[in-house]
Amino acid sequence: MIRRDYDIFEKFHDGSTLWRACVSGRFEAHRKMQEFAEFSDNQFFLIDIQATELLPSGLTAGATRPRAKSAAAAG
């Protein structure tokens, strides 16, 4: 099985986009995209450049798990 490369993009509220990373493997791409989304209110999406298709996996901050609290903040 061939691991495909996925490009992760961030879409800003003004409609502009910014390339964030290229990740090998769909699972790792989704994991990295979620990691980015945890720290931004913008939308993120993947593109499989080899298949020239946008994957329906957009994430926004509201669609992610809550951020983990640090041990120091927990008291």
N, C-alpha and C. Protein backbone atom coordinates (compact mmCIF):
# COMPACT_ATOMS: atom_id res chain seq x y z
N MET A 1 0.84 -1.19 0.00
CA MET A 1 0.00 0.00 0.00
C MET A 1 0.89 1.25 0.00
N ILE A 2 0.61 2.15 -0.87
CA ILE A 2 1.38 3.38 -1.00
C ILE A 2 0.79 4.46 -0.09
N ARG A 3 1.68 5.06 0.70
CA ARG A 3 1.24 6.19 1.54
C ARG A 3 1.26 7.45 0.69
N ARG A 4 0.15 8.10 0.64
CA ARG A 4 0.03 9.33 -0.15
C ARG A 4 0.46 10.53 0.68
N ASP A 5 0.84 11.59 0.00
CA ASP A 5 1.19 12.84 0.65
C ASP A 5 -0.01 13.78 0.59
N TYR A 6 -0.26 14.47 1.70
CA TYR A 6 -1.37 15.41 1.80
C TYR A 6 -0.83 16.76 2.22
N ASP A 7 -1.32 17.81 1.56
CA ASP A 7 -0.97 19.18 1.94
C ASP A 7 -2.08 19.72 2.83
N ILE A 8 -1.68 20.37 3.92
CA ILE A 8 -2.63 20.96 4.86
C ILE A 8 -2.62 22.46 4.64
N PHE A 9 -3.82 23.03 4.52
CA PHE A 9 -3.99 24.46 4.32
C PHE A 9 -4.87 25.04 5.42
N GLU A 10 -4.59 26.29 5.76
CA GLU A 10 -5.43 27.04 6.71
C GLU A 10 -6.20 28.08 5.91
N LYS A 11 -7.51 28.14 6.13
CA LYS A 11 -8.35 29.12 5.44
C LYS A 11 -8.75 30.19 6.45
N PHE A 12 -8.45 31.44 6.12
CA PHE A 12 -8.72 32.56 7.01
C PHE A 12 -10.10 33.15 6.74
N HIS A 13 -10.57 33.96 7.67
CA HIS A 13 -11.92 34.54 7.58
C HIS A 13 -12.10 35.43 6.35
N ASP A 14 -11.00 36.00 5.84
CA ASP A 14 -11.10 36.85 4.65
C ASP A 14 -11.09 36.05 3.35
N GLY A 15 -11.04 34.70 3.46
CA GLY A 15 -11.05 33.83 2.29
C GLY A 15 -9.67 33.43 1.79
N SER A 16 -8.63 34.04 2.30
CA SER A 16 -7.27 33.67 1.88
C SER A 16 -6.87 32.35 2.53
N THR A 17 -5.91 31.69 1.91
CA THR A 17 -5.42 30.42 2.44
C THR A 17 -3.91 30.46 2.58
N LEU A 18 -3.40 29.60 3.47
CA LEU A 18 -1.97 29.51 3.70
C LEU A 18 -1.61 28.04 3.85
N TRP A 19 -0.60 27.61 3.09
CA TRP A 19 -0.10 26.25 3.21
C TRP A 19 0.58 26.10 4.56
N ARG A 20 0.29 24.99 5.27
CA ARG A 20 0.87 24.77 6.59
C ARG A 20 1.84 23.61 6.64
N ALA A 21 1.56 22.52 5.92
CA ALA A 21 2.44 21.35 6.02
C ALA A 21 2.13 20.35 4.93
N CYS A 22 3.08 19.47 4.68
CA CYS A 22 2.88 18.30 3.82
C CYS A 22 3.14 17.09 4.70
N VAL A 23 2.18 16.16 4.76
CA VAL A 23 2.26 15.02 5.66
C VAL A 23 2.01 13.75 4.86
N SER A 24 2.78 12.72 5.17
CA SER A 24 2.64 11.43 4.51
C SER A 24 1.65 10.55 5.27
N GLY A 25 0.64 10.06 4.58
CA GLY A 25 -0.36 9.18 5.19
C GLY A 25 -1.58 9.94 5.64
N ARG A 26 -2.76 9.37 5.34
CA ARG A 26 -4.01 10.06 5.64
C ARG A 26 -4.24 10.21 7.15
N PHE A 27 -3.96 9.17 7.92
CA PHE A 27 -4.15 9.25 9.37
C PHE A 27 -3.29 10.36 9.96
N GLU A 28 -2.00 10.40 9.59
CA GLU A 28 -1.10 11.43 10.10
C GLU A 28 -1.53 12.81 9.65
N ALA A 29 -2.03 12.92 8.43
CA ALA A 29 -2.50 14.22 7.93
C ALA A 29 -3.68 14.73 8.76
N HIS A 30 -4.63 13.84 9.07
CA HIS A 30 -5.77 14.24 9.90
C HIS A 30 -5.32 14.61 11.31
N ARG A 31 -4.37 13.87 11.85
CA ARG A 31 -3.85 14.16 13.18
C ARG A 31 -3.17 15.53 13.23
N LYS A 32 -2.34 15.81 12.22
CA LYS A 32 -1.63 17.09 12.17
C LYS A 32 -2.61 18.25 11.96
N MET A 33 -3.62 18.03 11.12
CA MET A 33 -4.61 19.06 10.87
C MET A 33 -5.37 19.38 12.16
N GLN A 34 -5.70 18.37 12.92
CA GLN A 34 -6.39 18.58 14.19
C GLN A 34 -5.49 19.33 15.17
N GLU A 35 -4.22 19.01 15.17
CA GLU A 35 -3.26 19.71 16.02
C GLU A 35 -3.23 21.20 15.69
N PHE A 36 -3.20 21.54 14.40
CA PHE A 36 -3.24 22.95 13.99
C PHE A 36 -4.55 23.60 14.45
N ALA A 37 -5.67 22.91 14.27
CA ALA A 37 -6.99 23.47 14.57
C ALA A 37 -7.18 23.74 16.06
N GLU A 38 -6.45 23.03 16.91
CA GLU A 38 -6.57 23.25 18.34
C GLU A 38 -6.06 24.63 18.76
N PHE A 39 -5.25 25.25 17.93
CA PHE A 39 -4.64 26.53 18.28
C PHE A 39 -5.06 27.67 17.36
N SER A 40 -6.13 27.48 16.60
CA SER A 40 -6.57 28.51 15.67
C SER A 40 -8.09 28.47 15.52
N ASP A 41 -8.70 29.61 15.28
CA ASP A 41 -10.14 29.68 15.02
C ASP A 41 -10.44 29.53 13.54
N ASN A 42 -9.43 29.38 12.72
CA ASN A 42 -9.61 29.26 11.27
C ASN A 42 -9.93 27.83 10.87
N GLN A 43 -10.36 27.66 9.63
CA GLN A 43 -10.68 26.34 9.09
C GLN A 43 -9.42 25.74 8.46
N PHE A 44 -9.29 24.41 8.54
CA PHE A 44 -8.17 23.69 7.93
C PHE A 44 -8.71 22.63 7.00
N PHE A 45 -7.98 22.36 5.91
CA PHE A 45 -8.40 21.33 4.98
C PHE A 45 -7.19 20.66 4.36
N LEU A 46 -7.43 19.44 3.85
CA LEU A 46 -6.38 18.64 3.21
C LEU A 46 -6.59 18.62 1.71
N ILE A 47 -5.50 18.56 0.97
CA ILE A 47 -5.57 18.34 -0.46
C ILE A 47 -4.62 17.20 -0.80
N ASP A 48 -5.14 16.22 -1.51
CA ASP A 48 -4.33 15.13 -2.04
C ASP A 48 -3.87 15.60 -3.42
N ILE A 49 -2.65 16.11 -3.50
CA ILE A 49 -2.14 16.68 -4.75
C ILE A 49 -2.06 15.63 -5.85
N GLN A 50 -1.69 14.40 -5.50
CA GLN A 50 -1.56 13.34 -6.50
C GLN A 50 -2.90 13.01 -7.15
N ALA A 51 -3.97 13.05 -6.39
CA ALA A 51 -5.30 12.76 -6.93
C ALA A 51 -5.99 14.03 -7.38
N THR A 52 -5.35 15.18 -7.15
CA THR A 52 -5.90 16.50 -7.46
C THR A 52 -7.32 16.66 -6.95
N GLU A 53 -7.52 16.28 -5.68
CA GLU A 53 -8.84 16.46 -5.10
C GLU A 53 -8.74 17.00 -3.69
N LEU A 54 -9.74 17.81 -3.34
CA LEU A 54 -9.88 18.34 -2.01
C LEU A 54 -10.62 17.29 -1.19
N LEU A 55 -10.06 16.91 -0.06
CA LEU A 55 -10.70 15.90 0.77
C LEU A 55 -11.70 16.56 1.72
N PRO A 56 -12.85 15.96 1.90
CA PRO A 56 -13.88 16.55 2.77
C PRO A 56 -13.55 16.35 4.23
N SER A 57 -12.56 17.06 4.70
CA SER A 57 -12.13 16.87 6.08
C SER A 57 -11.77 18.19 6.74
N GLY A 58 -12.51 19.25 6.40
CA GLY A 58 -12.23 20.55 6.99
C GLY A 58 -12.46 20.56 8.48
N LEU A 59 -11.58 21.18 9.23
CA LEU A 59 -11.71 21.30 10.67
C LEU A 59 -11.68 22.76 11.05
N THR A 60 -12.46 23.09 12.04
CA THR A 60 -12.39 24.40 12.67
C THR A 60 -12.18 24.18 14.15
N ALA A 61 -11.89 25.23 14.87
CA ALA A 61 -11.61 25.08 16.30
C ALA A 61 -12.79 24.46 17.03
N GLY A 62 -14.01 24.76 16.65
CA GLY A 62 -15.18 24.20 17.32
C GLY A 62 -15.37 22.72 17.08
N ALA A 63 -14.69 22.15 16.10
CA ALA A 63 -14.84 20.74 15.75
C ALA A 63 -13.77 19.86 16.39
N THR A 64 -12.93 20.44 17.21
CA THR A 64 -11.83 19.67 17.79
C THR A 64 -12.11 19.35 19.24
N ARG A 65 -11.26 18.51 19.78
CA ARG A 65 -11.34 18.21 21.21
C ARG A 65 -10.91 19.42 22.00
N PRO A 66 -11.35 19.54 23.25
CA PRO A 66 -10.89 20.65 24.09
C PRO A 66 -9.39 20.57 24.29
N ARG A 67 -8.75 21.69 24.44
CA ARG A 67 -7.32 21.71 24.69
C ARG A 67 -7.02 21.09 26.05
N ALA A 68 -5.94 20.37 26.11
CA ALA A 68 -5.54 19.76 27.39
C ALA A 68 -5.00 20.85 28.30
N LYS A 69 -5.35 20.78 29.56
CA LYS A 69 -4.84 21.74 30.54
C LYS A 69 -3.49 21.26 31.03
N SER A 70 -2.61 22.20 31.28
CA SER A 70 -1.28 21.83 31.76
C SER A 70 -1.38 21.39 33.22
N ALA A 71 -0.42 20.60 33.66
CA ALA A 71 -0.40 20.12 35.04
C ALA A 71 -0.26 21.30 36.01
N ALA A 72 0.49 22.32 35.62
CA ALA A 72 0.69 23.48 36.48
C ALA A 72 -0.62 24.23 36.68
N ALA A 73 -1.45 24.32 35.64
CA ALA A 73 -2.71 25.03 35.73
C ALA A 73 -3.72 24.25 36.56
N ALA A 74 -3.57 22.94 36.62
CA ALA A 74 -4.51 22.11 37.38
C ALA A 74 -4.29 22.26 38.88
N GLY A 75 -3.14 22.80 39.28
CA GLY A 75 -2.88 23.13 40.66
C GLY A 75 -2.34 22.04 41.45
